[in-house]
Amino acid sequence: MKQFQLEYESLSSFQSELKKVEMWTASKVVSDVLFTIYTSKIDKEKIEEVCNTIHNVFPKAHYMGCSTNGNIIRGEFCNTDIGVTCTIFEYPSTQLRILQYTLTENTVDDVTKSLLWQIERNPWVRAVQLLTTIRGMSMTRFCENLRPAAPGVRIFGGGAFSEDMSDNACVFSEEEGYSENGVVFALIGGEDFRVNTTYISGWKPLGKELEVTKAKGSTLYELDGKPAYDVYYKYLHIKNDENFFNNTLEFPFFYHHNGIDILRAPVSSNPDGSLTMTSDIEEKVMYNTYNMGLGM
């Protein structure tokens, strides 16, 4: 497997970079090509331009992508709005398929059921990469529904955000195009394909250990018997206002759940001092607060 990382500076320069990749593939044994596109600007026309340009140069290649809060290329922050990773699979036995669905609280069960059916129907699948919009819904049921996936199939990926961390976000692919409420899956595998996944955050816990004393669904009401928001005000002096989400991004909770340590940031604060999270919270689970500057 080979990867190329590209920045979209202009249409002509991007076409030139794609031609270089095309020349490389022409001289090698290639089974499939996947372009993953990350854009910090939610510009539907520009996204379509990038996708069409890729299709024109690589008509048989697959592509998928999402909006982001920033991109990294070659280990550094991307200087342009759009970064593209081109993954080239070289073994003839490697297979790849893209799926895309509308994802809401009402469709989550149908979406996950369909994905599991696709995995069962295609025993060559070894890994599933996903990109999904997540704001405005709890992702707990989505994740729990995927637990019955066939043993050995690794599922990984991330959420789509936006430059200003607003509710706006999108995913897109060759299958269904642009969507502001959707999820895209890349099914990858084959008899010669091997993949390993690991949980990693790179952060270290700081602050007092707290107990979840009241929670329901994705709403975290109390920590140590006090409104959950109080932690952010007491230690960080963050106000309970419209800027709460942006001000707390660098200070997520360290959530210990099912034997795994997870970084989890609140989506918003509420007038009663509760916090809305992206996934459900269980009572009696311990938290630690974090500081981004000391975590990486």
C-alpha atoms as a PDB file:
ATOM      1  CA  MET A   1       0.000   0.000   0.000  1.00  0.00           C
ATOM      2  CA  LYS A   2       1.222   3.484  -0.893  1.00  0.00           C
ATOM      3  CA  GLN A   3      -0.058   6.908   0.178  1.00  0.00           C
ATOM      4  CA  PHE A   4       0.299  10.353  -1.364  1.00  0.00           C
ATOM      5  CA  GLN A   5      -0.758  13.545   0.434  1.00  0.00           C
ATOM      6  CA  LEU A   6      -1.872  16.500  -1.671  1.00  0.00           C
ATOM      7  CA  GLU A   7      -2.976  20.088  -1.039  1.00  0.00           C
ATOM      8  CA  TYR A   8      -5.570  21.765  -3.225  1.00  0.00           C
ATOM      9  CA  GLU A   9      -4.118  25.196  -4.016  1.00  0.00           C
ATOM     10  CA  SER A  10      -5.715  25.704  -7.424  1.00  0.00           C
ATOM     11  CA  LEU A  11      -7.416  23.609 -10.071  1.00  0.00           C
ATOM     12  CA  SER A  12      -4.371  23.598 -12.366  1.00  0.00           C
ATOM     13  CA  SER A  13      -1.866  22.732  -9.632  1.00  0.00           C
ATOM     14  CA  PHE A  14      -4.135  19.978  -8.301  1.00  0.00           C
ATOM     15  CA  GLN A  15      -4.508  18.497 -11.776  1.00  0.00           C
ATOM     16  CA  SER A  16      -0.735  18.551 -12.119  1.00  0.00           C
ATOM     17  CA  GLU A  17      -0.265  16.716  -8.812  1.00  0.00           C
ATOM     18  CA  LEU A  18      -2.866  14.137  -9.791  1.00  0.00           C
ATOM     19  CA  LYS A  19      -1.066  13.533 -13.080  1.00  0.00           C
ATOM     20  CA  LYS A  20       2.119  12.752 -11.155  1.00  0.00           C
ATOM     21  CA  VAL A  21       0.252  10.200  -9.056  1.00  0.00           C
ATOM     22  CA  GLU A  22      -1.289   8.760 -12.234  1.00  0.00           C
ATOM     23  CA  MET A  23       2.176   8.305 -13.737  1.00  0.00           C
ATOM     24  CA  TRP A  24       3.280   6.460 -10.585  1.00  0.00           C
ATOM     25  CA  THR A  25       0.296   4.112 -10.713  1.00  0.00           C
ATOM     26  CA  ALA A  26       0.842   3.451 -14.421  1.00  0.00           C
ATOM     27  CA  SER A  27       4.253   1.957 -13.654  1.00  0.00           C
ATOM     28  CA  LYS A  28       3.068  -0.241 -10.772  1.00  0.00           C
ATOM     29  CA  VAL A  29       0.637  -3.055 -10.042  1.00  0.00           C
ATOM     30  CA  VAL A  30      -2.453  -1.346  -8.626  1.00  0.00           C
ATOM     31  CA  SER A  31      -5.731  -2.989  -7.572  1.00  0.00           C
ATOM     32  CA  ASP A  32      -7.655   0.033  -6.271  1.00  0.00           C
ATOM     33  CA  VAL A  33      -7.267   3.717  -5.445  1.00  0.00           C
ATOM     34  CA  LEU A  34      -9.043   5.640  -2.668  1.00  0.00           C
ATOM     35  CA  PHE A  35      -9.032   9.425  -2.346  1.00  0.00           C
ATOM     36  CA  THR A  36     -10.020  10.813   1.054  1.00  0.00           C
ATOM     37  CA  ILE A  37     -10.812  14.535   0.919  1.00  0.00           C
ATOM     38  CA  TYR A  38     -10.804  16.848   3.955  1.00  0.00           C
ATOM     39  CA  THR A  39     -12.057  20.427   3.659  1.00  0.00           C
ATOM     40  CA  SER A  40     -12.101  23.138   6.321  1.00  0.00           C
ATOM     41  CA  LYS A  41     -14.442  25.246   4.146  1.00  0.00           C
ATOM     42  CA  ILE A  42     -17.992  24.033   3.537  1.00  0.00           C
ATOM     43  CA  ASP A  43     -18.170  25.077  -0.097  1.00  0.00           C
ATOM     44  CA  LYS A  44     -20.334  22.634  -2.038  1.00  0.00           C
ATOM     45  CA  GLU A  45     -19.235  23.901  -5.469  1.00  0.00           C
ATOM     46  CA  LYS A  46     -15.552  23.639  -4.611  1.00  0.00           C
ATOM     47  CA  ILE A  47     -16.034  20.179  -3.128  1.00  0.00           C
ATOM     48  CA  GLU A  48     -17.743  19.054  -6.328  1.00  0.00           C
ATOM     49  CA  GLU A  49     -14.916  20.580  -8.373  1.00  0.00           C
ATOM     50  CA  VAL A  50     -12.329  18.579  -6.435  1.00  0.00           C
ATOM     51  CA  CYS A  51     -14.345  15.359  -6.747  1.00  0.00           C
ATOM     52  CA  ASN A  52     -14.926  15.866 -10.492  1.00  0.00           C
ATOM     53  CA  THR A  53     -11.235  16.591 -11.060  1.00  0.00           C
ATOM     54  CA  ILE A  54     -10.271  13.360  -9.305  1.00  0.00           C
ATOM     55  CA  HIS A  55     -12.847  11.428 -11.332  1.00  0.00           C
ATOM     56  CA  ASN A  56     -11.577  12.901 -14.616  1.00  0.00           C
ATOM     57  CA  VAL A  57      -7.981  11.856 -13.934  1.00  0.00           C
ATOM     58  CA  PHE A  58      -8.826   8.599 -12.111  1.00  0.00           C
ATOM     59  CA  PRO A  59     -12.209   7.477 -13.514  1.00  0.00           C
ATOM     60  CA  LYS A  60     -12.018   4.114 -11.716  1.00  0.00           C
ATOM     61  CA  ALA A  61     -10.868   5.485  -8.353  1.00  0.00           C
ATOM     62  CA  HIS A  62     -13.067   5.787  -5.280  1.00  0.00           C
ATOM     63  CA  TYR A  63     -13.429   8.948  -3.209  1.00  0.00           C
ATOM     64  CA  MET A  64     -14.988  10.065   0.071  1.00  0.00           C
ATOM     65  CA  GLY A  65     -14.572  13.024   2.356  1.00  0.00           C
ATOM     66  CA  CYS A  66     -15.878  15.373   5.019  1.00  0.00           C
ATOM     67  CA  SER A  67     -15.642  18.881   6.415  1.00  0.00           C
ATOM     68  CA  THR A  68     -13.118  19.506   9.195  1.00  0.00           C
ATOM     69  CA  ASN A  69     -11.878  22.019  11.744  1.00  0.00           C
ATOM     70  CA  GLY A  70      -8.445  21.970  10.087  1.00  0.00           C
ATOM     71  CA  ASN A  71      -6.200  19.569   8.206  1.00  0.00           C
ATOM     72  CA  ILE A  72      -2.747  18.055   8.624  1.00  0.00           C
ATOM     73  CA  ILE A  73      -0.531  17.235   5.656  1.00  0.00           C
ATOM     74  CA  ARG A  74       2.837  15.521   6.073  1.00  0.00           C
ATOM     75  CA  GLY A  75       2.744  16.115   9.824  1.00  0.00           C
ATOM     76  CA  GLU A  76       2.049  19.853   9.592  1.00  0.00           C
ATOM     77  CA  PHE A  77      -1.023  22.055   9.448  1.00  0.00           C
ATOM     78  CA  CYS A  78      -2.325  22.327   5.903  1.00  0.00           C
ATOM     79  CA  ASN A  79      -1.883  25.806   4.403  1.00  0.00           C
ATOM     80  CA  THR A  80      -4.904  25.422   2.132  1.00  0.00           C
ATOM     81  CA  ASP A  81      -8.588  24.730   2.743  1.00  0.00           C
ATOM     82  CA  ILE A  82      -8.491  21.225   1.272  1.00  0.00           C
ATOM     83  CA  GLY A  83      -6.145  18.328   1.927  1.00  0.00           C
ATOM     84  CA  VAL A  84      -6.341  15.031   0.037  1.00  0.00           C
ATOM     85  CA  THR A  85      -4.906  11.623   0.896  1.00  0.00           C
ATOM     86  CA  CYS A  86      -4.544   9.157  -1.966  1.00  0.00           C
ATOM     87  CA  THR A  87      -4.262   5.538  -0.838  1.00  0.00           C
ATOM     88  CA  ILE A  88      -3.117   3.062  -3.475  1.00  0.00           C
ATOM     89  CA  PHE A  89      -3.707  -0.653  -2.898  1.00  0.00           C
ATOM     90  CA  GLU A  90      -1.239  -2.869  -4.710  1.00  0.00           C
ATOM     91  CA  TYR A  91      -2.305  -6.466  -4.055  1.00  0.00           C
ATOM     92  CA  PRO A  92      -4.646  -7.780  -6.787  1.00  0.00           C
ATOM     93  CA  SER A  93      -6.817  -9.447  -4.134  1.00  0.00           C
ATOM     94  CA  THR A  94      -7.621  -6.169  -2.323  1.00  0.00           C
ATOM     95  CA  GLN A  95     -11.217  -5.002  -2.696  1.00  0.00           C
ATOM     96  CA  LEU A  96     -12.872  -1.688  -1.880  1.00  0.00           C
ATOM     97  CA  ARG A  97     -16.456  -0.453  -1.775  1.00  0.00           C
ATOM     98  CA  ILE A  98     -18.013   2.875  -0.725  1.00  0.00           C
ATOM     99  CA  LEU A  99     -21.409   3.138   0.993  1.00  0.00           C
ATOM    100  CA  GLN A 100     -23.255   6.303   1.991  1.00  0.00           C
ATOM    101  CA  TYR A 101     -26.428   6.816   4.013  1.00  0.00           C
ATOM    102  CA  THR A 102     -28.514   9.613   5.478  1.00  0.00           C
ATOM    103  CA  LEU A 103     -27.892   9.516   9.239  1.00  0.00           C
ATOM    104  CA  THR A 104     -30.353  10.873  11.814  1.00  0.00           C
ATOM    105  CA  GLU A 105     -31.806   9.632  15.110  1.00  0.00           C
ATOM    106  CA  ASN A 106     -34.618   8.060  13.046  1.00  0.00           C
ATOM    107  CA  THR A 107     -32.368   6.253  10.535  1.00  0.00           C
ATOM    108  CA  VAL A 108     -29.495   5.081  12.752  1.00  0.00           C
ATOM    109  CA  ASP A 109     -30.877   1.554  13.253  1.00  0.00           C
ATOM    110  CA  ASP A 110     -31.513   1.044   9.531  1.00  0.00           C
ATOM    111  CA  VAL A 111     -28.046   2.381   8.658  1.00  0.00           C
ATOM    112  CA  THR A 112     -26.155   0.138  11.057  1.00  0.00           C
ATOM    113  CA  LYS A 113     -28.290  -2.875  10.130  1.00  0.00           C
ATOM    114  CA  SER A 114     -27.496  -2.315   6.460  1.00  0.00           C
ATOM    115  CA  LEU A 115     -23.761  -2.005   7.148  1.00  0.00           C
ATOM    116  CA  LEU A 116     -23.688  -5.230   9.177  1.00  0.00           C
ATOM    117  CA  TRP A 117     -25.578  -6.968   6.369  1.00  0.00           C
ATOM    118  CA  GLN A 118     -23.009  -5.744   3.847  1.00  0.00           C
ATOM    119  CA  ILE A 119     -20.157  -7.036   6.029  1.00  0.00           C
ATOM    120  CA  GLU A 120     -21.846 -10.423   6.405  1.00  0.00           C
ATOM    121  CA  ARG A 121     -22.589 -10.597   2.687  1.00  0.00           C
ATOM    122  CA  ASN A 122     -18.983  -9.761   1.769  1.00  0.00           C
ATOM    123  CA  PRO A 123     -16.636 -11.961   3.829  1.00  0.00           C
ATOM    124  CA  TRP A 124     -13.618 -10.290   2.206  1.00  0.00           C
ATOM    125  CA  VAL A 125     -14.186  -7.162   4.360  1.00  0.00           C
ATOM    126  CA  ARG A 126     -11.412  -6.671   6.911  1.00  0.00           C
ATOM    127  CA  ALA A 127     -11.818  -2.982   7.770  1.00  0.00           C
ATOM    128  CA  VAL A 128     -14.466  -0.261   7.675  1.00  0.00           C
ATOM    129  CA  GLN A 129     -13.416   3.375   7.624  1.00  0.00           C
ATOM    130  CA  LEU A 130     -16.211   5.860   8.375  1.00  0.00           C
ATOM    131  CA  LEU A 131     -16.769   9.605   8.207  1.00  0.00           C
ATOM    132  CA  THR A 132     -19.954  10.944   9.778  1.00  0.00           C
ATOM    133  CA  THR A 133     -21.774  14.085  10.803  1.00  0.00           C
ATOM    134  CA  ILE A 134     -22.392  13.928  14.553  1.00  0.00           C
ATOM    135  CA  ARG A 135     -23.755  17.234  15.812  1.00  0.00           C
ATOM    136  CA  GLY A 136     -27.310  17.192  17.108  1.00  0.00           C
ATOM    137  CA  MET A 137     -27.484  13.480  17.943  1.00  0.00           C
ATOM    138  CA  SER A 138     -26.047  10.955  20.347  1.00  0.00           C
ATOM    139  CA  MET A 139     -23.723   8.452  18.681  1.00  0.00           C
ATOM    140  CA  THR A 140     -24.120   5.818  21.399  1.00  0.00           C
ATOM    141  CA  ARG A 141     -26.750   3.696  19.630  1.00  0.00           C
ATOM    142  CA  PHE A 142     -24.796   3.974  16.379  1.00  0.00           C
ATOM    143  CA  CYS A 143     -21.657   2.571  18.022  1.00  0.00           C
ATOM    144  CA  GLU A 144     -23.433  -0.086  20.061  1.00  0.00           C
ATOM    145  CA  ASN A 145     -25.290  -1.334  16.984  1.00  0.00           C
ATOM    146  CA  LEU A 146     -21.955  -2.040  15.271  1.00  0.00           C
ATOM    147  CA  ARG A 147     -20.699  -4.353  18.026  1.00  0.00           C
ATOM    148  CA  PRO A 148     -22.036  -7.527  16.336  1.00  0.00           C
ATOM    149  CA  ALA A 149     -19.780  -6.961  13.307  1.00  0.00           C
ATOM    150  CA  ALA A 150     -17.893 -10.086  12.268  1.00  0.00           C
ATOM    151  CA  PRO A 151     -14.836 -10.845  14.437  1.00  0.00           C
ATOM    152  CA  GLY A 152     -11.660  -9.473  12.903  1.00  0.00           C
ATOM    153  CA  VAL A 153     -13.377  -6.585  11.111  1.00  0.00           C
ATOM    154  CA  ARG A 154     -11.868  -3.309  12.333  1.00  0.00           C
ATOM    155  CA  ILE A 155     -14.150  -0.262  12.366  1.00  0.00           C
ATOM    156  CA  PHE A 156     -12.556   3.169  12.688  1.00  0.00           C
ATOM    157  CA  GLY A 157     -12.989   6.764  11.597  1.00  0.00           C
ATOM    158  CA  GLY A 158     -14.162  10.134  12.837  1.00  0.00           C
ATOM    159  CA  GLY A 159     -16.693  12.913  12.867  1.00  0.00           C
ATOM    160  CA  ALA A 160     -17.158  15.787  10.447  1.00  0.00           C
ATOM    161  CA  PHE A 161     -16.846  19.312  11.845  1.00  0.00           C
ATOM    162  CA  SER A 162     -16.486  22.822  10.440  1.00  0.00           C
ATOM    163  CA  GLU A 163     -13.955  25.635  10.588  1.00  0.00           C
ATOM    164  CA  ASP A 164     -15.969  27.646  13.115  1.00  0.00           C
ATOM    165  CA  MET A 165     -17.175  24.537  15.013  1.00  0.00           C
ATOM    166  CA  SER A 166     -20.796  25.459  14.293  1.00  0.00           C
ATOM    167  CA  ASP A 167     -23.585  22.969  13.652  1.00  0.00           C
ATOM    168  CA  ASN A 168     -22.686  22.989   9.948  1.00  0.00           C
ATOM    169  CA  ALA A 169     -20.827  19.933   8.677  1.00  0.00           C
ATOM    170  CA  CYS A 170     -20.927  17.619   5.688  1.00  0.00           C
ATOM    171  CA  VAL A 171     -19.788  14.313   4.260  1.00  0.00           C
ATOM    172  CA  PHE A 172     -19.640  13.316   0.603  1.00  0.00           C
ATOM    173  CA  SER A 173     -18.630  10.473  -1.682  1.00  0.00           C
ATOM    174  CA  GLU A 174     -18.968   9.013  -5.157  1.00  0.00           C
ATOM    175  CA  GLU A 175     -22.150   7.233  -4.050  1.00  0.00           C
ATOM    176  CA  GLU A 176     -24.558   9.949  -2.931  1.00  0.00           C
ATOM    177  CA  GLY A 177     -22.590  13.168  -3.240  1.00  0.00           C
ATOM    178  CA  TYR A 178     -22.898  15.974  -0.687  1.00  0.00           C
ATOM    179  CA  SER A 179     -24.851  15.472   2.562  1.00  0.00           C
ATOM    180  CA  GLU A 180     -25.191  17.534   5.752  1.00  0.00           C
ATOM    181  CA  ASN A 181     -26.682  14.599   7.699  1.00  0.00           C
ATOM    182  CA  GLY A 182     -24.903  11.484   6.598  1.00  0.00           C
ATOM    183  CA  VAL A 183     -22.273   8.827   7.045  1.00  0.00           C
ATOM    184  CA  VAL A 184     -19.846   7.383   4.488  1.00  0.00           C
ATOM    185  CA  PHE A 185     -18.264   3.945   4.865  1.00  0.00           C
ATOM    186  CA  ALA A 186     -15.278   2.527   3.000  1.00  0.00           C
ATOM    187  CA  LEU A 187     -15.278  -1.287   3.094  1.00  0.00           C
ATOM    188  CA  ILE A 188     -11.749  -2.571   2.560  1.00  0.00           C
ATOM    189  CA  GLY A 189     -10.346  -6.082   2.551  1.00  0.00           C
ATOM    190  CA  GLY A 190      -9.158  -9.134   0.705  1.00  0.00           C
ATOM    191  CA  GLU A 191      -7.231 -12.316   1.475  1.00  0.00           C
ATOM    192  CA  ASP A 192      -3.901 -10.419   1.525  1.00  0.00           C
ATOM    193  CA  PHE A 193      -5.166  -7.368   3.422  1.00  0.00           C
ATOM    194  CA  ARG A 194      -4.174  -6.960   7.083  1.00  0.00           C
ATOM    195  CA  VAL A 195      -5.141  -4.120   9.395  1.00  0.00           C
ATOM    196  CA  ASN A 196      -4.554  -3.378  13.077  1.00  0.00           C
ATOM    197  CA  THR A 197      -6.254  -0.688  15.155  1.00  0.00           C
ATOM    198  CA  THR A 198      -5.459   0.726  18.577  1.00  0.00           C
ATOM    199  CA  TYR A 199      -6.946   3.201  21.025  1.00  0.00           C
ATOM    200  CA  ILE A 200      -4.680   6.215  21.511  1.00  0.00           C
ATOM    201  CA  SER A 201      -5.157   9.789  22.689  1.00  0.00           C
ATOM    202  CA  GLY A 202      -1.698  11.052  23.616  1.00  0.00           C
ATOM    203  CA  TRP A 203      -3.230  12.994  26.522  1.00  0.00           C
ATOM    204  CA  LYS A 204      -2.538  12.733  30.256  1.00  0.00           C
ATOM    205  CA  PRO A 205      -5.213  13.278  32.924  1.00  0.00           C
ATOM    206  CA  LEU A 206      -5.033  16.378  35.104  1.00  0.00           C
ATOM    207  CA  GLY A 207      -7.211  17.677  37.901  1.00  0.00           C
ATOM    208  CA  LYS A 208      -9.601  16.054  40.317  1.00  0.00           C
ATOM    209  CA  GLU A 209     -11.247  12.711  39.690  1.00  0.00           C
ATOM    210  CA  LEU A 210     -15.022  13.150  39.489  1.00  0.00           C
ATOM    211  CA  GLU A 211     -17.982  10.790  39.731  1.00  0.00           C
ATOM    212  CA  VAL A 212     -21.004  10.968  37.448  1.00  0.00           C
ATOM    213  CA  THR A 213     -23.840  11.218  39.965  1.00  0.00           C
ATOM    214  CA  LYS A 214     -26.632  12.120  37.540  1.00  0.00           C
ATOM    215  CA  ALA A 215     -26.941  11.533  33.795  1.00  0.00           C
ATOM    216  CA  LYS A 216     -29.615  10.589  31.313  1.00  0.00           C
ATOM    217  CA  GLY A 217     -28.884   9.721  27.704  1.00  0.00           C
ATOM    218  CA  SER A 218     -26.373  12.203  26.318  1.00  0.00           C
ATOM    219  CA  THR A 219     -27.122  14.795  29.009  1.00  0.00           C
ATOM    220  CA  LEU A 220     -24.626  14.968  31.876  1.00  0.00           C
ATOM    221  CA  TYR A 221     -26.387  16.625  34.824  1.00  0.00           C
ATOM    222  CA  GLU A 222     -24.130  16.241  37.839  1.00  0.00           C
ATOM    223  CA  LEU A 223     -20.537  15.483  38.773  1.00  0.00           C
ATOM    224  CA  ASP A 224     -19.955  14.772  42.475  1.00  0.00           C
ATOM    225  CA  GLY A 225     -23.518  15.913  43.151  1.00  0.00           C
ATOM    226  CA  LYS A 226     -23.041  19.368  41.607  1.00  0.00           C
ATOM    227  CA  PRO A 227     -24.068  20.759  38.188  1.00  0.00           C
ATOM    228  CA  ALA A 228     -21.593  19.448  35.606  1.00  0.00           C
ATOM    229  CA  TYR A 229     -20.996  22.947  34.228  1.00  0.00           C
ATOM    230  CA  ASP A 230     -19.569  24.059  37.598  1.00  0.00           C
ATOM    231  CA  VAL A 231     -16.355  22.170  36.835  1.00  0.00           C
ATOM    232  CA  TYR A 232     -15.653  24.396  33.835  1.00  0.00           C
ATOM    233  CA  TYR A 233     -16.430  27.582  35.744  1.00  0.00           C
ATOM    234  CA  LYS A 234     -14.567  26.660  38.938  1.00  0.00           C
ATOM    235  CA  TYR A 235     -11.320  25.583  37.287  1.00  0.00           C
ATOM    236  CA  LEU A 236     -11.344  27.474  33.971  1.00  0.00           C
ATOM    237  CA  HIS A 237     -13.779  30.393  34.497  1.00  0.00           C
ATOM    238  CA  ILE A 238     -15.601  29.484  31.276  1.00  0.00           C
ATOM    239  CA  LYS A 239     -19.008  31.140  31.044  1.00  0.00           C
ATOM    240  CA  ASN A 240     -22.248  29.304  30.346  1.00  0.00           C
ATOM    241  CA  ASP A 241     -23.020  31.131  27.102  1.00  0.00           C
ATOM    242  CA  GLU A 242     -23.060  30.715  23.304  1.00  0.00           C
ATOM    243  CA  ASN A 243     -19.239  30.467  23.244  1.00  0.00           C
ATOM    244  CA  PHE A 244     -19.105  27.527  25.654  1.00  0.00           C
ATOM    245  CA  PHE A 245     -18.419  24.890  22.966  1.00  0.00           C
ATOM    246  CA  ASN A 246     -15.470  26.747  21.420  1.00  0.00           C
ATOM    247  CA  ASN A 247     -14.014  27.669  24.813  1.00  0.00           C
ATOM    248  CA  THR A 248     -14.072  24.090  26.111  1.00  0.00           C
ATOM    249  CA  LEU A 249     -12.684  22.299  23.044  1.00  0.00           C
ATOM    250  CA  GLU A 250      -9.186  22.242  24.539  1.00  0.00           C
ATOM    251  CA  PHE A 251     -10.502  20.880  27.834  1.00  0.00           C
ATOM    252  CA  PRO A 252     -12.428  17.641  27.219  1.00  0.00           C
ATOM    253  CA  PHE A 253     -13.236  15.090  29.884  1.00  0.00           C
ATOM    254  CA  PHE A 254     -11.249  11.908  30.357  1.00  0.00           C
ATOM    255  CA  TYR A 255     -14.061   9.350  30.386  1.00  0.00           C
ATOM    256  CA  HIS A 256     -13.378   5.796  31.593  1.00  0.00           C
ATOM    257  CA  HIS A 257     -15.899   3.474  29.957  1.00  0.00           C
ATOM    258  CA  ASN A 258     -15.870  -0.285  29.312  1.00  0.00           C
ATOM    259  CA  GLY A 259     -12.202  -0.447  30.264  1.00  0.00           C
ATOM    260  CA  ILE A 260     -11.240   2.211  27.709  1.00  0.00           C
ATOM    261  CA  ASP A 261     -10.193   5.806  28.320  1.00  0.00           C
ATOM    262  CA  ILE A 262     -12.045   8.191  25.974  1.00  0.00           C
ATOM    263  CA  LEU A 263     -11.684  11.923  25.368  1.00  0.00           C
ATOM    264  CA  ARG A 264     -15.149  13.435  25.350  1.00  0.00           C
ATOM    265  CA  ALA A 265     -15.967  17.125  24.910  1.00  0.00           C
ATOM    266  CA  PRO A 266     -19.396  18.629  25.663  1.00  0.00           C
ATOM    267  CA  VAL A 267     -21.348  19.959  22.697  1.00  0.00           C
ATOM    268  CA  SER A 268     -23.121  22.644  24.704  1.00  0.00           C
ATOM    269  CA  SER A 269     -24.039  23.827  28.181  1.00  0.00           C
ATOM    270  CA  ASN A 270     -27.620  24.303  29.336  1.00  0.00           C
ATOM    271  CA  PRO A 271     -29.295  26.883  31.617  1.00  0.00           C
ATOM    272  CA  ASP A 272     -29.666  24.316  34.433  1.00  0.00           C
ATOM    273  CA  GLY A 273     -25.918  23.630  34.478  1.00  0.00           C
ATOM    274  CA  SER A 274     -26.117  20.333  32.622  1.00  0.00           C
ATOM    275  CA  LEU A 275     -23.919  19.503  29.629  1.00  0.00           C
ATOM    276  CA  THR A 276     -24.955  17.925  26.325  1.00  0.00           C
ATOM    277  CA  MET A 277     -22.450  15.316  25.098  1.00  0.00           C
ATOM    278  CA  THR A 278     -22.073  13.558  21.733  1.00  0.00           C
ATOM    279  CA  SER A 279     -22.786  10.154  23.289  1.00  0.00           C
ATOM    280  CA  ASP A 280     -24.690   8.775  26.238  1.00  0.00           C
ATOM    281  CA  ILE A 281     -23.163   8.999  29.699  1.00  0.00           C
ATOM    282  CA  GLU A 282     -23.471   6.370  32.437  1.00  0.00           C
ATOM    283  CA  GLU A 283     -23.727   7.206  36.112  1.00  0.00           C
ATOM    284  CA  LYS A 284     -20.963   6.136  38.527  1.00  0.00           C
ATOM    285  CA  VAL A 285     -18.303   6.406  35.791  1.00  0.00           C
ATOM    286  CA  MET A 286     -15.252   8.459  36.664  1.00  0.00           C
ATOM    287  CA  TYR A 287     -13.969  11.562  34.863  1.00  0.00           C
ATOM    288  CA  ASN A 288     -10.742  13.530  34.859  1.00  0.00           C
ATOM    289  CA  THR A 289     -10.414  17.005  33.400  1.00  0.00           C
ATOM    290  CA  TYR A 290      -7.729  17.691  30.802  1.00  0.00           C
ATOM    291  CA  ASN A 291      -5.547  20.511  29.596  1.00  0.00           C
ATOM    292  CA  MET A 292      -4.683  20.386  25.900  1.00  0.00           C
ATOM    293  CA  GLY A 293      -1.364  22.189  26.307  1.00  0.00           C
ATOM    294  CA  LEU A 294      -0.048  19.407  28.553  1.00  0.00           C
ATOM    295  CA  GLY A 295      -1.673  16.529  26.753  1.00  0.00           C
ATOM    296  CA  MET A 296       0.073  16.143  23.439  1.00  0.00           C
END
